[in-house]
Amino acid sequence: MKQNLIFIIFLIFATDICDTVSQLFLKSSINSLDLHINTVKKVIHLVIQLIKTPKVWISVIFSTLSLFMWLFVLTKSDLNFAFSIDSMRYILIALASVSILKEKINTARWLGIFAVVCGIMLVAIG
């Protein structure tokens, strides 16, 4: 049973990593585009640009991989447990945003992230 639990937590962590990578690729691709949209023609142009952007497709691949792993997790664990542990994505995205995208995170947000970590630990040991 404990081995199964460790495997489920590993899979949830893997889905969170895939989602983090997906979000990083989406953010970097959208940052590279002109977002001054004020007409329907510019919206269509933006959609076409997004479809032509390889980083968007890489993001879709990681999101799809995450979805299939998540579906497997849901077959093996309770939703309330899995969803609570899945909150690791907030931590991973915050750390990736700081280290890769060079974004700034204020003290209040770090305290919130710490609270999430504490909550995840309580759920995991409970």
N, C-alpha and C. Protein backbone atom coordinates (compact mmCIF):
# COMPACT_ATOMS: atom_id res chain seq x y z
N MET A 1 0.82 -1.20 0.00
CA MET A 1 0.00 0.00 0.00
C MET A 1 0.86 1.26 0.00
N LYS A 2 1.91 1.28 0.86
CA LYS A 2 2.77 2.46 0.94
C LYS A 2 3.51 2.69 -0.37
N GLN A 3 3.92 1.62 -1.03
CA GLN A 3 4.60 1.73 -2.31
C GLN A 3 3.67 2.35 -3.35
N ASN A 4 2.40 1.95 -3.32
CA ASN A 4 1.41 2.51 -4.23
C ASN A 4 1.22 4.01 -3.97
N LEU A 5 1.19 4.40 -2.70
CA LEU A 5 1.04 5.80 -2.33
C LEU A 5 2.22 6.64 -2.85
N ILE A 6 3.42 6.13 -2.69
CA ILE A 6 4.62 6.83 -3.18
C ILE A 6 4.55 6.98 -4.69
N PHE A 7 4.11 5.95 -5.39
CA PHE A 7 3.99 6.01 -6.84
C PHE A 7 2.95 7.05 -7.26
N ILE A 8 1.82 7.10 -6.56
CA ILE A 8 0.77 8.08 -6.87
C ILE A 8 1.29 9.49 -6.65
N ILE A 9 1.99 9.71 -5.53
CA ILE A 9 2.56 11.04 -5.27
C ILE A 9 3.59 11.40 -6.33
N PHE A 10 4.39 10.43 -6.76
CA PHE A 10 5.35 10.66 -7.84
C PHE A 10 4.63 11.07 -9.13
N LEU A 11 3.56 10.37 -9.46
CA LEU A 11 2.81 10.71 -10.68
C LEU A 11 2.18 12.11 -10.59
N ILE A 12 1.67 12.44 -9.42
CA ILE A 12 1.09 13.79 -9.24
C ILE A 12 2.19 14.83 -9.41
N PHE A 13 3.35 14.57 -8.85
CA PHE A 13 4.49 15.48 -9.01
C PHE A 13 4.87 15.59 -10.49
N ALA A 14 4.85 14.48 -11.20
CA ALA A 14 5.17 14.50 -12.64
C ALA A 14 4.15 15.33 -13.42
N THR A 15 2.88 15.23 -13.06
CA THR A 15 1.87 16.07 -13.74
C THR A 15 2.13 17.54 -13.45
N ASP A 16 2.54 17.85 -12.23
CA ASP A 16 2.84 19.23 -11.88
C ASP A 16 4.06 19.76 -12.64
N ILE A 17 5.05 18.92 -12.82
CA ILE A 17 6.22 19.33 -13.60
C ILE A 17 5.81 19.57 -15.05
N CYS A 18 5.02 18.67 -15.61
CA CYS A 18 4.55 18.86 -16.99
C CYS A 18 3.74 20.15 -17.13
N ASP A 19 2.88 20.40 -16.17
CA ASP A 19 2.09 21.64 -16.21
C ASP A 19 2.97 22.88 -16.08
N THR A 20 3.98 22.81 -15.23
CA THR A 20 4.90 23.94 -15.07
C THR A 20 5.66 24.20 -16.37
N VAL A 21 6.17 23.15 -16.98
CA VAL A 21 6.88 23.30 -18.25
C VAL A 21 5.93 23.88 -19.30
N SER A 22 4.72 23.38 -19.33
CA SER A 22 3.72 23.88 -20.28
C SER A 22 3.48 25.38 -20.08
N GLN A 23 3.31 25.80 -18.84
CA GLN A 23 3.06 27.22 -18.56
C GLN A 23 4.26 28.09 -18.92
N LEU A 24 5.46 27.59 -18.68
CA LEU A 24 6.67 28.34 -19.04
C LEU A 24 6.75 28.54 -20.56
N PHE A 25 6.46 27.50 -21.31
CA PHE A 25 6.48 27.63 -22.77
C PHE A 25 5.39 28.58 -23.26
N LEU A 26 4.20 28.50 -22.66
CA LEU A 26 3.13 29.42 -23.05
C LEU A 26 3.51 30.87 -22.75
N LYS A 27 4.03 31.10 -21.57
CA LYS A 27 4.41 32.46 -21.18
C LYS A 27 5.50 33.02 -22.08
N SER A 28 6.51 32.23 -22.37
CA SER A 28 7.59 32.72 -23.23
C SER A 28 7.12 32.95 -24.66
N SER A 29 6.19 32.12 -25.13
CA SER A 29 5.70 32.33 -26.50
C SER A 29 4.78 33.54 -26.58
N ILE A 30 3.94 33.77 -25.59
CA ILE A 30 3.04 34.92 -25.64
C ILE A 30 3.82 36.21 -25.43
N ASN A 31 4.91 36.16 -24.67
CA ASN A 31 5.74 37.35 -24.48
C ASN A 31 6.44 37.78 -25.76
N SER A 32 6.62 36.85 -26.68
CA SER A 32 7.33 37.16 -27.92
C SER A 32 6.41 37.71 -29.01
N LEU A 33 5.12 37.81 -28.73
CA LEU A 33 4.16 38.27 -29.73
C LEU A 33 3.68 39.68 -29.44
N ASP A 34 3.21 40.34 -30.50
CA ASP A 34 2.63 41.67 -30.37
C ASP A 34 1.20 41.52 -29.86
N LEU A 35 0.93 42.09 -28.70
CA LEU A 35 -0.38 41.91 -28.08
C LEU A 35 -1.25 43.16 -28.12
N HIS A 36 -0.97 44.07 -29.03
CA HIS A 36 -1.80 45.27 -29.17
C HIS A 36 -3.00 44.92 -30.05
N ILE A 37 -4.01 44.37 -29.40
CA ILE A 37 -5.17 43.85 -30.12
C ILE A 37 -6.34 44.81 -29.93
N ASN A 38 -6.81 45.36 -31.03
CA ASN A 38 -7.96 46.25 -30.94
C ASN A 38 -8.94 46.05 -32.09
N THR A 39 -8.68 45.05 -32.92
CA THR A 39 -9.61 44.74 -34.01
C THR A 39 -9.72 43.22 -34.14
N VAL A 40 -10.77 42.80 -34.80
CA VAL A 40 -10.97 41.36 -35.04
C VAL A 40 -9.85 40.82 -35.91
N LYS A 41 -9.40 41.62 -36.85
CA LYS A 41 -8.31 41.20 -37.73
C LYS A 41 -7.04 40.91 -36.93
N LYS A 42 -6.76 41.71 -35.92
CA LYS A 42 -5.57 41.49 -35.09
C LYS A 42 -5.74 40.25 -34.21
N VAL A 43 -6.96 39.97 -33.78
CA VAL A 43 -7.22 38.75 -33.00
C VAL A 43 -6.94 37.53 -33.86
N ILE A 44 -7.44 37.55 -35.08
CA ILE A 44 -7.21 36.43 -36.01
C ILE A 44 -5.71 36.28 -36.28
N HIS A 45 -5.03 37.42 -36.47
CA HIS A 45 -3.58 37.38 -36.71
C HIS A 45 -2.85 36.77 -35.50
N LEU A 46 -3.27 37.14 -34.29
CA LEU A 46 -2.66 36.58 -33.08
C LEU A 46 -2.88 35.07 -33.01
N VAL A 47 -4.08 34.61 -33.28
CA VAL A 47 -4.37 33.18 -33.26
C VAL A 47 -3.49 32.44 -34.27
N ILE A 48 -3.34 33.00 -35.46
CA ILE A 48 -2.49 32.39 -36.48
C ILE A 48 -1.04 32.35 -36.01
N GLN A 49 -0.58 33.45 -35.39
CA GLN A 49 0.78 33.47 -34.85
C GLN A 49 0.97 32.38 -33.80
N LEU A 50 -0.02 32.24 -32.93
CA LEU A 50 0.08 31.21 -31.88
C LEU A 50 0.13 29.81 -32.48
N ILE A 51 -0.68 29.56 -33.49
CA ILE A 51 -0.69 28.25 -34.14
C ILE A 51 0.65 27.95 -34.79
N LYS A 52 1.33 28.98 -35.27
CA LYS A 52 2.62 28.80 -35.95
C LYS A 52 3.80 28.76 -34.98
N THR A 53 3.56 28.98 -33.71
CA THR A 53 4.65 29.06 -32.73
C THR A 53 4.95 27.67 -32.16
N PRO A 54 6.17 27.16 -32.38
CA PRO A 54 6.51 25.83 -31.87
C PRO A 54 6.38 25.69 -30.35
N LYS A 55 6.68 26.75 -29.61
CA LYS A 55 6.59 26.67 -28.15
C LYS A 55 5.16 26.41 -27.69
N VAL A 56 4.19 26.91 -28.43
CA VAL A 56 2.79 26.65 -28.08
C VAL A 56 2.50 25.16 -28.24
N TRP A 57 3.01 24.56 -29.30
CA TRP A 57 2.78 23.13 -29.53
C TRP A 57 3.51 22.27 -28.50
N ILE A 58 4.71 22.72 -28.09
CA ILE A 58 5.41 22.01 -27.02
C ILE A 58 4.57 22.07 -25.74
N SER A 59 3.99 23.22 -25.48
CA SER A 59 3.11 23.38 -24.33
C SER A 59 1.91 22.44 -24.40
N VAL A 60 1.32 22.32 -25.57
CA VAL A 60 0.17 21.43 -25.76
C VAL A 60 0.58 19.98 -25.50
N ILE A 61 1.76 19.60 -25.95
CA ILE A 61 2.25 18.23 -25.73
C ILE A 61 2.40 17.95 -24.23
N PHE A 62 3.02 18.89 -23.50
CA PHE A 62 3.20 18.70 -22.06
C PHE A 62 1.86 18.69 -21.33
N SER A 63 0.93 19.54 -21.77
CA SER A 63 -0.40 19.55 -21.14
C SER A 63 -1.13 18.23 -21.38
N THR A 64 -1.00 17.69 -22.57
CA THR A 64 -1.65 16.42 -22.90
C THR A 64 -1.05 15.28 -22.09
N LEU A 65 0.27 15.28 -21.99
CA LEU A 65 0.94 14.26 -21.17
C LEU A 65 0.47 14.35 -19.72
N SER A 66 0.39 15.57 -19.21
CA SER A 66 -0.09 15.78 -17.85
C SER A 66 -1.52 15.27 -17.68
N LEU A 67 -2.37 15.54 -18.66
CA LEU A 67 -3.76 15.10 -18.59
C LEU A 67 -3.85 13.57 -18.47
N PHE A 68 -3.10 12.86 -19.29
CA PHE A 68 -3.17 11.40 -19.25
C PHE A 68 -2.63 10.84 -17.95
N MET A 69 -1.57 11.45 -17.42
CA MET A 69 -1.06 11.00 -16.12
C MET A 69 -2.09 11.30 -15.03
N TRP A 70 -2.72 12.46 -15.11
CA TRP A 70 -3.73 12.84 -14.11
C TRP A 70 -4.92 11.88 -14.14
N LEU A 71 -5.34 11.51 -15.33
CA LEU A 71 -6.45 10.55 -15.44
C LEU A 71 -6.08 9.22 -14.78
N PHE A 72 -4.84 8.78 -14.97
CA PHE A 72 -4.38 7.56 -14.32
C PHE A 72 -4.38 7.72 -12.80
N VAL A 73 -3.89 8.87 -12.32
CA VAL A 73 -3.89 9.15 -10.88
C VAL A 73 -5.31 9.05 -10.32
N LEU A 74 -6.27 9.60 -11.04
CA LEU A 74 -7.65 9.60 -10.56
C LEU A 74 -8.24 8.18 -10.48
N THR A 75 -7.71 7.27 -11.26
CA THR A 75 -8.19 5.89 -11.17
C THR A 75 -7.62 5.17 -9.95
N LYS A 76 -6.54 5.70 -9.38
CA LYS A 76 -5.83 5.00 -8.29
C LYS A 76 -5.95 5.69 -6.93
N SER A 77 -6.51 6.91 -6.88
CA SER A 77 -6.56 7.60 -5.59
C SER A 77 -7.84 8.42 -5.46
N ASP A 78 -8.10 8.84 -4.23
CA ASP A 78 -9.25 9.70 -3.98
C ASP A 78 -8.99 11.08 -4.56
N LEU A 79 -10.02 11.72 -5.07
CA LEU A 79 -9.88 13.04 -5.67
C LEU A 79 -9.40 14.07 -4.65
N ASN A 80 -9.93 14.03 -3.45
CA ASN A 80 -9.53 15.05 -2.46
C ASN A 80 -8.06 14.94 -2.10
N PHE A 81 -7.53 13.72 -2.02
CA PHE A 81 -6.10 13.53 -1.76
C PHE A 81 -5.28 14.01 -2.95
N ALA A 82 -5.63 13.52 -4.14
CA ALA A 82 -4.86 13.85 -5.34
C ALA A 82 -4.85 15.36 -5.60
N PHE A 83 -5.99 15.99 -5.45
CA PHE A 83 -6.08 17.42 -5.73
C PHE A 83 -5.30 18.23 -4.71
N SER A 84 -5.28 17.78 -3.47
CA SER A 84 -4.50 18.48 -2.45
C SER A 84 -3.01 18.39 -2.73
N ILE A 85 -2.54 17.21 -3.05
CA ILE A 85 -1.12 17.03 -3.38
C ILE A 85 -0.78 17.77 -4.67
N ASP A 86 -1.74 17.86 -5.56
CA ASP A 86 -1.54 18.55 -6.84
C ASP A 86 -1.24 20.04 -6.66
N SER A 87 -1.46 20.56 -5.48
CA SER A 87 -1.16 21.96 -5.20
C SER A 87 0.34 22.27 -5.28
N MET A 88 1.16 21.24 -5.42
CA MET A 88 2.60 21.46 -5.61
C MET A 88 2.86 22.32 -6.83
N ARG A 89 1.94 22.32 -7.78
CA ARG A 89 2.15 23.10 -9.00
C ARG A 89 2.32 24.58 -8.70
N TYR A 90 1.66 25.08 -7.66
CA TYR A 90 1.80 26.49 -7.31
C TYR A 90 3.23 26.80 -6.86
N ILE A 91 3.82 25.86 -6.16
CA ILE A 91 5.20 26.03 -5.71
C ILE A 91 6.15 25.96 -6.90
N LEU A 92 5.96 24.95 -7.74
CA LEU A 92 6.84 24.78 -8.89
C LEU A 92 6.76 25.96 -9.85
N ILE A 93 5.56 26.46 -10.09
CA ILE A 93 5.42 27.59 -11.00
C ILE A 93 6.05 28.84 -10.40
N ALA A 94 5.90 29.04 -9.10
CA ALA A 94 6.53 30.20 -8.47
C ALA A 94 8.06 30.11 -8.57
N LEU A 95 8.60 28.94 -8.27
CA LEU A 95 10.06 28.77 -8.35
C LEU A 95 10.56 28.92 -9.79
N ALA A 96 9.83 28.36 -10.74
CA ALA A 96 10.23 28.48 -12.15
C ALA A 96 10.10 29.92 -12.63
N SER A 97 9.09 30.63 -12.17
CA SER A 97 8.91 32.02 -12.57
C SER A 97 10.08 32.88 -12.10
N VAL A 98 10.53 32.62 -10.88
CA VAL A 98 11.66 33.38 -10.35
C VAL A 98 12.96 33.00 -11.05
N SER A 99 13.21 31.70 -11.19
CA SER A 99 14.51 31.26 -11.71
C SER A 99 14.62 31.34 -13.23
N ILE A 100 13.55 31.06 -13.94
CA ILE A 100 13.64 31.02 -15.41
C ILE A 100 13.14 32.31 -16.05
N LEU A 101 11.99 32.80 -15.60
CA LEU A 101 11.42 34.01 -16.19
C LEU A 101 11.90 35.29 -15.52
N LYS A 102 12.65 35.15 -14.43
CA LYS A 102 13.21 36.29 -13.69
C LYS A 102 12.12 37.22 -13.16
N GLU A 103 10.99 36.64 -12.76
CA GLU A 103 9.92 37.43 -12.17
C GLU A 103 10.20 37.65 -10.69
N LYS A 104 9.59 38.68 -10.14
CA LYS A 104 9.75 39.01 -8.72
C LYS A 104 8.52 38.50 -7.95
N ILE A 105 8.78 37.93 -6.77
CA ILE A 105 7.68 37.47 -5.90
C ILE A 105 7.84 38.18 -4.57
N ASN A 106 6.78 38.84 -4.13
CA ASN A 106 6.87 39.59 -2.87
C ASN A 106 6.73 38.67 -1.66
N THR A 107 6.97 39.24 -0.50
CA THR A 107 6.98 38.47 0.75
C THR A 107 5.63 37.81 1.04
N ALA A 108 4.56 38.54 0.80
CA ALA A 108 3.22 37.98 1.06
C ALA A 108 2.98 36.74 0.21
N ARG A 109 3.40 36.78 -1.03
CA ARG A 109 3.22 35.62 -1.91
C ARG A 109 4.07 34.45 -1.44
N TRP A 110 5.32 34.71 -0.99
CA TRP A 110 6.16 33.64 -0.46
C TRP A 110 5.53 33.01 0.77
N LEU A 111 4.91 33.84 1.61
CA LEU A 111 4.22 33.31 2.79
C LEU A 111 3.05 32.42 2.37
N GLY A 112 2.33 32.82 1.33
CA GLY A 112 1.25 31.99 0.80
C GLY A 112 1.76 30.67 0.26
N ILE A 113 2.89 30.71 -0.41
CA ILE A 113 3.49 29.49 -0.95
C ILE A 113 3.91 28.58 0.21
N PHE A 114 4.47 29.16 1.26
CA PHE A 114 4.84 28.38 2.45
C PHE A 114 3.61 27.73 3.07
N ALA A 115 2.49 28.46 3.11
CA ALA A 115 1.24 27.90 3.64
C ALA A 115 0.77 26.72 2.80
N VAL A 116 0.93 26.81 1.48
CA VAL A 116 0.57 25.71 0.59
C VAL A 116 1.43 24.49 0.89
N VAL A 117 2.73 24.71 1.07
CA VAL A 117 3.64 23.61 1.40
C VAL A 117 3.21 22.93 2.69
N CYS A 118 2.88 23.73 3.70
CA CYS A 118 2.42 23.15 4.98
C CYS A 118 1.13 22.33 4.78
N GLY A 119 0.22 22.85 3.99
CA GLY A 119 -1.02 22.13 3.71
C GLY A 119 -0.77 20.82 2.98
N ILE A 120 0.12 20.84 2.03
CA ILE A 120 0.46 19.61 1.30
C ILE A 120 1.04 18.58 2.25
N MET A 121 1.92 19.02 3.13
CA MET A 121 2.52 18.08 4.10
C MET A 121 1.47 17.48 5.01
N LEU A 122 0.52 18.29 5.46
CA LEU A 122 -0.56 17.78 6.32
C LEU A 122 -1.41 16.75 5.60
N VAL A 123 -1.72 17.02 4.34
CA VAL A 123 -2.53 16.07 3.56
C VAL A 123 -1.75 14.78 3.31
N ALA A 124 -0.47 14.91 2.99
CA ALA A 124 0.35 13.73 2.66
C ALA A 124 0.52 12.80 3.86
N ILE A 125 0.66 13.37 5.05
CA ILE A 125 0.87 12.51 6.22
C ILE A 125 -0.42 12.08 6.87
N GLY A 126 -1.55 12.73 6.48
CA GLY A 126 -2.84 12.43 7.10
C GLY A 126 -3.48 11.31 6.52
